[in-house]
Amino acid sequence: MVEINKIEKITNNKWLNLYKAYFCNKGNYGEWIFASRKKSQTPKDIATPDAVVIIPILKTKDGHKIVIIKEFKIPLQGYEIGFPSGLHDQNNLKQTIAKELKEETGLDLEVIHKISPPIYSSSGMTNESTVLAFVSVSGILSTKNNEKYENIKTMAISETELPKILNGKNGMVGGKAWPILFAINMFGIKKFLEKNFKK
């Protein structure tokens, strides 16, 4: 069993910090540097989600569409295709979902169909976790509520547009978005909704 002997905080920023862990694995001592959004590094805090990723389904006169965003990401120095998302500040999760959805897409939350357990996408570098929220939404797409540093384009897409996105021809695709869009592309929006969303 790996024993973590000590974790020390290296930086002191508001949203993200570096930590150094000192550990022992079968008599071999080592150090590991990682990034974290957590205020403390207890197992309970690590199991608490930092953020929510929202998969919005919008019913239109042309049928159901998936809402995606194209957002400029500083570390990528370019736009990433993904879903609306935001930090969860330990308030009510439903409130976080409704707030981030409105802010990034202009849409209103109608129904939360499913929320995943916390998932970890890059545990070699960070203990950041997110939950995926599958929701039905209504309204008109808008970016007027974006925060001043956000550069977001919103799109409601049909399944016929998915292959080009999955092939990376429209830009970089986020790691949480690609598998979901792939599943929708494979089954079609109608079957995806029937299989995963409550009536």
Foldseek 3Di string as FASTA:
>chain_A
DKAWDDKAWDDDDQAKTKIKTWIADPNDIDIAIAMERFPDDDPVRLQDAFKEFEFEWEQDPVGIWTKWKWWQDVVVNGTEIGGQMDTDPPDDPVVRVQVSCCQAWVKGFDDFFDKAGWDDDCVSHYSHTYIYTYTYIDDHTDNPNYDPPIDMDMDTHALVPLVCVLVQVVHHYDPVGNVVSVVCNVQPVVVVCVVRGDD
